[in-house]
Each structure stands twice: as structure tokens, then as C-alpha cells.
Amino acid sequence: LDLFKKITEKYPSFETTEDLRGLDYNTIFNAKAIKIL
């Protein structure tokens, strides 16, 4: 419920961002990639 409140308050009209469609979180934010980033 706390998460949904935060999304509603900060991102009331969020929609899909096409540039980020199909990207999986772990590919970008795995431990070795994060070390470089």
C-alpha cells in the first residue's frame, strides 16, 4: 500500500517508455555491470 501511494503521488500518469520496453532489469543492474556503471 505504501508503494502504491508513492506511485500515485509521484508518478500519477506514468506510461510505457518505448526506449525501455523489453529491457530486463538484471541485464542492466547485475553486480558486474553496476560496478562499471
ModelCIF file with pLDDT and N, C-alpha, C, O atoms, coordinates in Angstrom:
data_MODEL
#
_entry.id   MODEL 
#
_entity.id                         1 
_entity.type                       polymer 
_entity.pdbx_number_of_molecules   1 
#
_entity_poly.entity_id                      1 
_entity_poly.type                           'polypeptide(L)' 
_entity_poly.nstd_linkage                   no 
_entity_poly.nstd_monomer                   no 
_entity_poly.pdbx_seq_one_letter_code       LDLFKKITEKYPSFETTEDLRGLDYNTIFNAKAIKIL 
_entity_poly.pdbx_seq_one_letter_code_can   LDLFKKITEKYPSFETTEDLRGLDYNTIFNAKAIKIL 
_entity_poly.pdbx_strand_id                 A 
#
loop_
_entity_poly_seq.entity_id 
_entity_poly_seq.num 
_entity_poly_seq.mon_id 
_entity_poly_seq.hetero 
1 1  LEU n 
1 2  ASP n 
1 3  LEU n 
1 4  PHE n 
1 5  LYS n 
1 6  LYS n 
1 7  ILE n 
1 8  THR n 
1 9  GLU n 
1 10 LYS n 
1 11 TYR n 
1 12 PRO n 
1 13 SER n 
1 14 PHE n 
1 15 GLU n 
1 16 THR n 
1 17 THR n 
1 18 GLU n 
1 19 ASP n 
1 20 LEU n 
1 21 ARG n 
1 22 GLY n 
1 23 LEU n 
1 24 ASP n 
1 25 TYR n 
1 26 ASN n 
1 27 THR n 
1 28 ILE n 
1 29 PHE n 
1 30 ASN n 
1 31 ALA n 
1 32 LYS n 
1 33 ALA n 
1 34 ILE n 
1 35 LYS n 
1 36 ILE n 
1 37 LEU n 
#
_struct_asym.id          A 
_struct_asym.entity_id   1 
#
loop_
_ma_qa_metric.id 
_ma_qa_metric.mode 
_ma_qa_metric.name 
_ma_qa_metric.software_group_id 
_ma_qa_metric.type 
1 global pLDDT . pLDDT 
2 local  pLDDT . pLDDT 
#
_ma_qa_metric_global.metric_id      1 
_ma_qa_metric_global.metric_value   77.78 
_ma_qa_metric_global.model_id       1 
_ma_qa_metric_global.ordinal_id     1 
#
loop_
_ma_qa_metric_local.label_asym_id 
_ma_qa_metric_local.label_comp_id 
_ma_qa_metric_local.label_seq_id 
_ma_qa_metric_local.metric_id 
_ma_qa_metric_local.metric_value 
_ma_qa_metric_local.model_id 
_ma_qa_metric_local.ordinal_id 
A LEU 1  2 79.00 1 1  
A ASP 2  2 83.00 1 2  
A LEU 3  2 85.00 1 3  
A PHE 4  2 84.00 1 4  
A LYS 5  2 84.00 1 5  
A LYS 6  2 85.00 1 6  
A ILE 7  2 84.00 1 7  
A THR 8  2 83.00 1 8  
A GLU 9  2 83.00 1 9  
A LYS 10 2 82.00 1 10 
A TYR 11 2 81.00 1 11 
A PRO 12 2 78.00 1 12 
A SER 13 2 78.00 1 13 
A PHE 14 2 77.00 1 14 
A GLU 15 2 77.00 1 15 
A THR 16 2 76.00 1 16 
A THR 17 2 76.00 1 17 
A GLU 18 2 74.00 1 18 
A ASP 19 2 73.00 1 19 
A LEU 20 2 77.00 1 20 
A ARG 21 2 81.00 1 21 
A GLY 22 2 78.00 1 22 
A LEU 23 2 80.00 1 23 
A ASP 24 2 82.00 1 24 
A TYR 25 2 82.00 1 25 
A ASN 26 2 78.00 1 26 
A THR 27 2 75.00 1 27 
A ILE 28 2 76.00 1 28 
A PHE 29 2 77.00 1 29 
A ASN 30 2 72.00 1 30 
A ALA 31 2 72.00 1 31 
A LYS 32 2 71.00 1 32 
A ALA 33 2 70.00 1 33 
A ILE 34 2 73.00 1 34 
A LYS 35 2 72.00 1 35 
A ILE 36 2 70.00 1 36 
A LEU 37 2 70.00 1 37 
#
loop_
_atom_site.group_PDB 
_atom_site.id 
_atom_site.type_symbol 
_atom_site.label_atom_id 
_atom_site.label_alt_id 
_atom_site.label_comp_id 
_atom_site.label_asym_id 
_atom_site.label_entity_id 
_atom_site.label_seq_id 
_atom_site.pdbx_PDB_ins_code 
_atom_site.Cartn_x 
_atom_site.Cartn_y 
_atom_site.Cartn_z 
_atom_site.occupancy 
_atom_site.B_iso_or_equiv 
_atom_site.pdbx_formal_charge 
_atom_site.auth_seq_id 
_atom_site.auth_comp_id 
_atom_site.auth_asym_id 
_atom_site.auth_atom_id 
_atom_site.pdbx_PDB_model_num 
ATOM 1   N N  . LEU A 1 1  ? 0.828  -1.201 0.000   1.00 79.00 ? 1  LEU A N  1 
ATOM 2   C CA . LEU A 1 1  ? 0.000  0.000  0.000   1.00 79.00 ? 1  LEU A CA 1 
ATOM 3   C C  . LEU A 1 1  ? 0.863  1.252  0.000   1.00 79.00 ? 1  LEU A C  1 
ATOM 4   O O  . LEU A 1 1  ? 0.519  2.245  -0.641  1.00 79.00 ? 1  LEU A O  1 
ATOM 5   N N  . ASP A 1 2  ? 1.998  1.212  0.725   1.00 83.00 ? 2  ASP A N  1 
ATOM 6   C CA . ASP A 1 2  ? 2.912  2.353  0.745   1.00 83.00 ? 2  ASP A CA 1 
ATOM 7   C C  . ASP A 1 2  ? 3.510  2.595  -0.640  1.00 83.00 ? 2  ASP A C  1 
ATOM 8   O O  . ASP A 1 2  ? 3.709  3.741  -1.043  1.00 83.00 ? 2  ASP A O  1 
ATOM 9   N N  . LEU A 1 3  ? 3.794  1.516  -1.364  1.00 85.00 ? 3  LEU A N  1 
ATOM 10  C CA . LEU A 1 3  ? 4.337  1.651  -2.725  1.00 85.00 ? 3  LEU A CA 1 
ATOM 11  C C  . LEU A 1 3  ? 3.304  2.294  -3.648  1.00 85.00 ? 3  LEU A C  1 
ATOM 12  O O  . LEU A 1 3  ? 3.619  3.218  -4.398  1.00 85.00 ? 3  LEU A O  1 
ATOM 13  N N  . PHE A 1 4  ? 2.074  1.799  -3.585  1.00 84.00 ? 4  PHE A N  1 
ATOM 14  C CA . PHE A 1 4  ? 1.039  2.331  -4.472  1.00 84.00 ? 4  PHE A CA 1 
ATOM 15  C C  . PHE A 1 4  ? 0.777  3.804  -4.184  1.00 84.00 ? 4  PHE A C  1 
ATOM 16  O O  . PHE A 1 4  ? 0.517  4.585  -5.099  1.00 84.00 ? 4  PHE A O  1 
ATOM 17  N N  . LYS A 1 5  ? 0.846  4.179  -2.902  1.00 84.00 ? 5  LYS A N  1 
ATOM 18  C CA . LYS A 1 5  ? 0.671  5.586  -2.550  1.00 84.00 ? 5  LYS A CA 1 
ATOM 19  C C  . LYS A 1 5  ? 1.770  6.441  -3.175  1.00 84.00 ? 5  LYS A C  1 
ATOM 20  O O  . LYS A 1 5  ? 1.515  7.523  -3.703  1.00 84.00 ? 5  LYS A O  1 
ATOM 21  N N  . LYS A 1 6  ? 2.988  5.931  -3.103  1.00 85.00 ? 6  LYS A N  1 
ATOM 22  C CA . LYS A 1 6  ? 4.126  6.689  -3.627  1.00 85.00 ? 6  LYS A CA 1 
ATOM 23  C C  . LYS A 1 6  ? 4.027  6.840  -5.135  1.00 85.00 ? 6  LYS A C  1 
ATOM 24  O O  . LYS A 1 6  ? 4.311  7.909  -5.676  1.00 85.00 ? 6  LYS A O  1 
ATOM 25  N N  . ILE A 1 7  ? 3.626  5.770  -5.816  1.00 84.00 ? 7  ILE A N  1 
ATOM 26  C CA . ILE A 1 7  ? 3.491  5.835  -7.276  1.00 84.00 ? 7  ILE A CA 1 
ATOM 27  C C  . ILE A 1 7  ? 2.390  6.823  -7.662  1.00 84.00 ? 7  ILE A C  1 
ATOM 28  O O  . ILE A 1 7  ? 2.551  7.610  -8.594  1.00 84.00 ? 7  ILE A O  1 
ATOM 29  N N  . THR A 1 8  ? 1.269  6.774  -6.935  1.00 83.00 ? 8  THR A N  1 
ATOM 30  C CA . THR A 1 8  ? 0.152  7.670  -7.232  1.00 83.00 ? 8  THR A CA 1 
ATOM 31  C C  . THR A 1 8  ? 0.537  9.128  -7.009  1.00 83.00 ? 8  THR A C  1 
ATOM 32  O O  . THR A 1 8  ? 0.159  10.008 -7.783  1.00 83.00 ? 8  THR A O  1 
ATOM 33  N N  . GLU A 1 9  ? 1.309  9.374  -5.922  1.00 83.00 ? 9  GLU A N  1 
ATOM 34  C CA . GLU A 1 9  ? 1.683  10.754 -5.600  1.00 83.00 ? 9  GLU A CA 1 
ATOM 35  C C  . GLU A 1 9  ? 2.757  11.305 -6.534  1.00 83.00 ? 9  GLU A C  1 
ATOM 36  O O  . GLU A 1 9  ? 2.665  12.449 -6.979  1.00 83.00 ? 9  GLU A O  1 
ATOM 37  N N  . LYS A 1 10 ? 3.786  10.486 -6.836  1.00 82.00 ? 10 LYS A N  1 
ATOM 38  C CA . LYS A 1 10 ? 4.937  10.996 -7.602  1.00 82.00 ? 10 LYS A CA 1 
ATOM 39  C C  . LYS A 1 10 ? 4.822  10.763 -9.098  1.00 82.00 ? 10 LYS A C  1 
ATOM 40  O O  . LYS A 1 10 ? 5.366  11.531 -9.892  1.00 82.00 ? 10 LYS A O  1 
ATOM 41  N N  . TYR A 1 11 ? 4.125  9.720  -9.483  1.00 81.00 ? 11 TYR A N  1 
ATOM 42  C CA . TYR A 1 11 ? 4.046  9.366  -10.909 1.00 81.00 ? 11 TYR A CA 1 
ATOM 43  C C  . TYR A 1 11 ? 2.584  9.097  -11.277 1.00 81.00 ? 11 TYR A C  1 
ATOM 44  O O  . TYR A 1 11 ? 2.229  7.977  -11.645 1.00 81.00 ? 11 TYR A O  1 
ATOM 45  N N  . PRO A 1 12 ? 1.748  10.114 -11.179 1.00 78.00 ? 12 PRO A N  1 
ATOM 46  C CA . PRO A 1 12 ? 0.300  9.886  -11.356 1.00 78.00 ? 12 PRO A CA 1 
ATOM 47  C C  . PRO A 1 12 ? -0.097 9.431  -12.749 1.00 78.00 ? 12 PRO A C  1 
ATOM 48  O O  . PRO A 1 12 ? -1.113 8.752  -12.897 1.00 78.00 ? 12 PRO A O  1 
ATOM 49  N N  . SER A 1 13 ? 0.663  9.779  -13.767 1.00 78.00 ? 13 SER A N  1 
ATOM 50  C CA . SER A 1 13 ? 0.242  9.439  -15.139 1.00 78.00 ? 13 SER A CA 1 
ATOM 51  C C  . SER A 1 13 ? 1.335  8.694  -15.903 1.00 78.00 ? 13 SER A C  1 
ATOM 52  O O  . SER A 1 13 ? 1.544  8.948  -17.089 1.00 78.00 ? 13 SER A O  1 
ATOM 53  N N  . PHE A 1 14 ? 2.029  7.782  -15.235 1.00 77.00 ? 14 PHE A N  1 
ATOM 54  C CA . PHE A 1 14 ? 3.127  7.075  -15.898 1.00 77.00 ? 14 PHE A CA 1 
ATOM 55  C C  . PHE A 1 14 ? 2.599  6.164  -17.011 1.00 77.00 ? 14 PHE A C  1 
ATOM 56  O O  . PHE A 1 14 ? 1.534  5.558  -16.899 1.00 77.00 ? 14 PHE A O  1 
ATOM 57  N N  . GLU A 1 15 ? 3.378  6.093  -18.077 1.00 77.00 ? 15 GLU A N  1 
ATOM 58  C CA . GLU A 1 15 ? 3.048  5.223  -19.208 1.00 77.00 ? 15 GLU A CA 1 
ATOM 59  C C  . GLU A 1 15 ? 4.300  4.490  -19.641 1.00 77.00 ? 15 GLU A C  1 
ATOM 60  O O  . GLU A 1 15 ? 5.396  4.763  -19.150 1.00 77.00 ? 15 GLU A O  1 
ATOM 61  N N  . THR A 1 16 ? 4.131  3.558  -20.565 1.00 76.00 ? 16 THR A N  1 
ATOM 62  C CA . THR A 1 16 ? 5.272  2.791  -21.052 1.00 76.00 ? 16 THR A CA 1 
ATOM 63  C C  . THR A 1 16 ? 6.238  3.704  -21.801 1.00 76.00 ? 16 THR A C  1 
ATOM 64  O O  . THR A 1 16 ? 5.830  4.492  -22.655 1.00 76.00 ? 16 THR A O  1 
ATOM 65  N N  . THR A 1 17 ? 7.522  3.588  -21.470 1.00 76.00 ? 17 THR A N  1 
ATOM 66  C CA . THR A 1 17 ? 8.578  4.297  -22.194 1.00 76.00 ? 17 THR A CA 1 
ATOM 67  C C  . THR A 1 17 ? 9.139  3.341  -23.241 1.00 76.00 ? 17 THR A C  1 
ATOM 68  O O  . THR A 1 17 ? 9.753  2.329  -22.904 1.00 76.00 ? 17 THR A O  1 
ATOM 69  N N  . GLU A 1 18 ? 8.916  3.678  -24.542 1.00 74.00 ? 18 GLU A N  1 
ATOM 70  C CA . GLU A 1 18 ? 9.258  2.726  -25.608 1.00 74.00 ? 18 GLU A CA 1 
ATOM 71  C C  . GLU A 1 18 ? 10.732 2.384  -25.631 1.00 74.00 ? 18 GLU A C  1 
ATOM 72  O O  . GLU A 1 18 ? 11.090 1.245  -25.931 1.00 74.00 ? 18 GLU A O  1 
ATOM 73  N N  . ASP A 1 19 ? 11.611 3.350  -25.319 1.00 73.00 ? 19 ASP A N  1 
ATOM 74  C CA . ASP A 1 19 ? 13.057 3.073  -25.336 1.00 73.00 ? 19 ASP A CA 1 
ATOM 75  C C  . ASP A 1 19 ? 13.438 1.982  -24.328 1.00 73.00 ? 19 ASP A C  1 
ATOM 76  O O  . ASP A 1 19 ? 14.441 1.288  -24.493 1.00 73.00 ? 19 ASP A O  1 
ATOM 77  N N  . LEU A 1 20 ? 12.609 1.847  -23.276 1.00 77.00 ? 20 LEU A N  1 
ATOM 78  C CA . LEU A 1 20 ? 12.922 0.887  -22.214 1.00 77.00 ? 20 LEU A CA 1 
ATOM 79  C C  . LEU A 1 20 ? 12.119 -0.399 -22.330 1.00 77.00 ? 20 LEU A C  1 
ATOM 80  O O  . LEU A 1 20 ? 12.302 -1.324 -21.539 1.00 77.00 ? 20 LEU A O  1 
ATOM 81  N N  . ARG A 1 21 ? 11.231 -0.458 -23.311 1.00 81.00 ? 21 ARG A N  1 
ATOM 82  C CA . ARG A 1 21 ? 10.421 -1.654 -23.479 1.00 81.00 ? 21 ARG A CA 1 
ATOM 83  C C  . ARG A 1 21 ? 11.306 -2.849 -23.824 1.00 81.00 ? 21 ARG A C  1 
ATOM 84  O O  . ARG A 1 21 ? 12.206 -2.757 -24.658 1.00 81.00 ? 21 ARG A O  1 
ATOM 85  N N  . GLY A 1 22 ? 11.025 -3.980 -23.158 1.00 78.00 ? 22 GLY A N  1 
ATOM 86  C CA . GLY A 1 22 ? 11.757 -5.214 -23.469 1.00 78.00 ? 22 GLY A CA 1 
ATOM 87  C C  . GLY A 1 22 ? 13.093 -5.345 -22.772 1.00 78.00 ? 22 GLY A C  1 
ATOM 88  O O  . GLY A 1 22 ? 13.766 -6.364 -22.926 1.00 78.00 ? 22 GLY A O  1 
ATOM 89  N N  . LEU A 1 23 ? 13.498 -4.339 -22.004 1.00 80.00 ? 23 LEU A N  1 
ATOM 90  C CA . LEU A 1 23 ? 14.772 -4.429 -21.279 1.00 80.00 ? 23 LEU A CA 1 
ATOM 91  C C  . LEU A 1 23 ? 14.543 -5.141 -19.954 1.00 80.00 ? 23 LEU A C  1 
ATOM 92  O O  . LEU A 1 23 ? 13.598 -4.833 -19.229 1.00 80.00 ? 23 LEU A O  1 
ATOM 93  N N  . ASP A 1 24 ? 15.422 -6.104 -19.641 1.00 82.00 ? 24 ASP A N  1 
ATOM 94  C CA . ASP A 1 24 ? 15.253 -6.735 -18.336 1.00 82.00 ? 24 ASP A CA 1 
ATOM 95  C C  . ASP A 1 24 ? 16.223 -6.115 -17.326 1.00 82.00 ? 24 ASP A C  1 
ATOM 96  O O  . ASP A 1 24 ? 17.367 -5.784 -17.637 1.00 82.00 ? 24 ASP A O  1 
ATOM 97  N N  . TYR A 1 25 ? 15.714 -5.977 -16.120 1.00 82.00 ? 25 TYR A N  1 
ATOM 98  C CA . TYR A 1 25 ? 16.401 -5.278 -15.037 1.00 82.00 ? 25 TYR A CA 1 
ATOM 99  C C  . TYR A 1 25 ? 17.775 -5.883 -14.764 1.00 82.00 ? 25 TYR A C  1 
ATOM 100 O O  . TYR A 1 25 ? 18.751 -5.155 -14.584 1.00 82.00 ? 25 TYR A O  1 
ATOM 101 N N  . ASN A 1 26 ? 17.850 -7.194 -14.733 1.00 78.00 ? 26 ASN A N  1 
ATOM 102 C CA . ASN A 1 26 ? 19.103 -7.858 -14.352 1.00 78.00 ? 26 ASN A CA 1 
ATOM 103 C C  . ASN A 1 26 ? 20.225 -7.664 -15.360 1.00 78.00 ? 26 ASN A C  1 
ATOM 104 O O  . ASN A 1 26 ? 21.400 -7.711 -14.998 1.00 78.00 ? 26 ASN A O  1 
ATOM 105 N N  . THR A 1 27 ? 19.874 -7.448 -16.618 1.00 75.00 ? 27 THR A N  1 
ATOM 106 C CA . THR A 1 27 ? 20.928 -7.211 -17.616 1.00 75.00 ? 27 THR A CA 1 
ATOM 107 C C  . THR A 1 27 ? 21.643 -5.897 -17.342 1.00 75.00 ? 27 THR A C  1 
ATOM 108 O O  . THR A 1 27 ? 22.861 -5.805 -17.489 1.00 75.00 ? 27 THR A O  1 
ATOM 109 N N  . ILE A 1 28 ? 20.885 -4.881 -16.944 1.00 76.00 ? 28 ILE A N  1 
ATOM 110 C CA . ILE A 1 28 ? 21.476 -3.568 -16.693 1.00 76.00 ? 28 ILE A CA 1 
ATOM 111 C C  . ILE A 1 28 ? 22.053 -3.482 -15.289 1.00 76.00 ? 28 ILE A C  1 
ATOM 112 O O  . ILE A 1 28 ? 23.110 -2.886 -15.082 1.00 76.00 ? 28 ILE A O  1 
ATOM 113 N N  . PHE A 1 29 ? 21.353 -4.082 -14.319 1.00 77.00 ? 29 PHE A N  1 
ATOM 114 C CA . PHE A 1 29 ? 21.746 -3.894 -12.931 1.00 77.00 ? 29 PHE A CA 1 
ATOM 115 C C  . PHE A 1 29 ? 22.230 -5.176 -12.263 1.00 77.00 ? 29 PHE A C  1 
ATOM 116 O O  . PHE A 1 29 ? 21.935 -5.417 -11.092 1.00 77.00 ? 29 PHE A O  1 
ATOM 117 N N  . ASN A 1 30 ? 22.974 -6.000 -13.004 1.00 72.00 ? 30 ASN A N  1 
ATOM 118 C CA . ASN A 1 30 ? 23.663 -7.109 -12.349 1.00 72.00 ? 30 ASN A CA 1 
ATOM 119 C C  . ASN A 1 30 ? 24.921 -6.560 -11.684 1.00 72.00 ? 30 ASN A C  1 
ATOM 120 O O  . ASN A 1 30 ? 25.342 -5.440 -11.971 1.00 72.00 ? 30 ASN A O  1 
ATOM 121 N N  . ALA A 1 31 ? 25.511 -7.342 -10.806 1.00 72.00 ? 31 ALA A N  1 
ATOM 122 C CA . ALA A 1 31 ? 26.608 -6.851 -9.969  1.00 72.00 ? 31 ALA A CA 1 
ATOM 123 C C  . ALA A 1 31 ? 27.789 -6.325 -10.787 1.00 72.00 ? 31 ALA A C  1 
ATOM 124 O O  . ALA A 1 31 ? 28.354 -5.282 -10.458 1.00 72.00 ? 31 ALA A O  1 
ATOM 125 N N  . LYS A 1 32 ? 28.171 -7.052 -11.867 1.00 71.00 ? 32 LYS A N  1 
ATOM 126 C CA . LYS A 1 32 ? 29.357 -6.642 -12.635 1.00 71.00 ? 32 LYS A CA 1 
ATOM 127 C C  . LYS A 1 32 ? 29.079 -5.422 -13.486 1.00 71.00 ? 32 LYS A C  1 
ATOM 128 O O  . LYS A 1 32 ? 29.949 -4.567 -13.655 1.00 71.00 ? 32 LYS A O  1 
ATOM 129 N N  . ALA A 1 33 ? 27.851 -5.333 -14.033 1.00 70.00 ? 33 ALA A N  1 
ATOM 130 C CA . ALA A 1 33 ? 27.505 -4.162 -14.830 1.00 70.00 ? 33 ALA A CA 1 
ATOM 131 C C  . ALA A 1 33 ? 27.435 -2.922 -13.949 1.00 70.00 ? 33 ALA A C  1 
ATOM 132 O O  . ALA A 1 33 ? 27.892 -1.849 -14.341 1.00 70.00 ? 33 ALA A O  1 
ATOM 133 N N  . ILE A 1 34 ? 26.860 -3.071 -12.757 1.00 73.00 ? 34 ILE A N  1 
ATOM 134 C CA . ILE A 1 34 ? 26.744 -1.928 -11.847 1.00 73.00 ? 34 ILE A CA 1 
ATOM 135 C C  . ILE A 1 34 ? 28.126 -1.408 -11.468 1.00 73.00 ? 34 ILE A C  1 
ATOM 136 O O  . ILE A 1 34 ? 28.333 -0.200 -11.354 1.00 73.00 ? 34 ILE A O  1 
ATOM 137 N N  . LYS A 1 35 ? 29.073 -2.328 -11.273 1.00 72.00 ? 35 LYS A N  1 
ATOM 138 C CA . LYS A 1 35 ? 30.433 -1.912 -10.914 1.00 72.00 ? 35 LYS A CA 1 
ATOM 139 C C  . LYS A 1 35 ? 31.009 -0.972 -11.971 1.00 72.00 ? 35 LYS A C  1 
ATOM 140 O O  . LYS A 1 35 ? 31.696 -0.004 -11.644 1.00 72.00 ? 35 LYS A O  1 
ATOM 141 N N  . ILE A 1 36 ? 30.720 -1.269 -13.261 1.00 70.00 ? 36 ILE A N  1 
ATOM 142 C CA . ILE A 1 36 ? 31.201 -0.416 -14.352 1.00 70.00 ? 36 ILE A CA 1 
ATOM 143 C C  . ILE A 1 36 ? 30.383 0.874  -14.413 1.00 70.00 ? 36 ILE A C  1 
ATOM 144 O O  . ILE A 1 36 ? 30.936 1.963  -14.565 1.00 70.00 ? 36 ILE A O  1 
ATOM 145 N N  . LEU A 1 37 ? 29.051 0.738  -14.292 1.00 70.00 ? 37 LEU A N  1 
ATOM 146 C CA . LEU A 1 37 ? 28.176 1.908  -14.401 1.00 70.00 ? 37 LEU A CA 1 
ATOM 147 C C  . LEU A 1 37 ? 28.469 2.945  -13.322 1.00 70.00 ? 37 LEU A C  1 
ATOM 148 O O  . LEU A 1 37 ? 27.819 3.989  -13.276 1.00 70.00 ? 37 LEU A O  1 
#
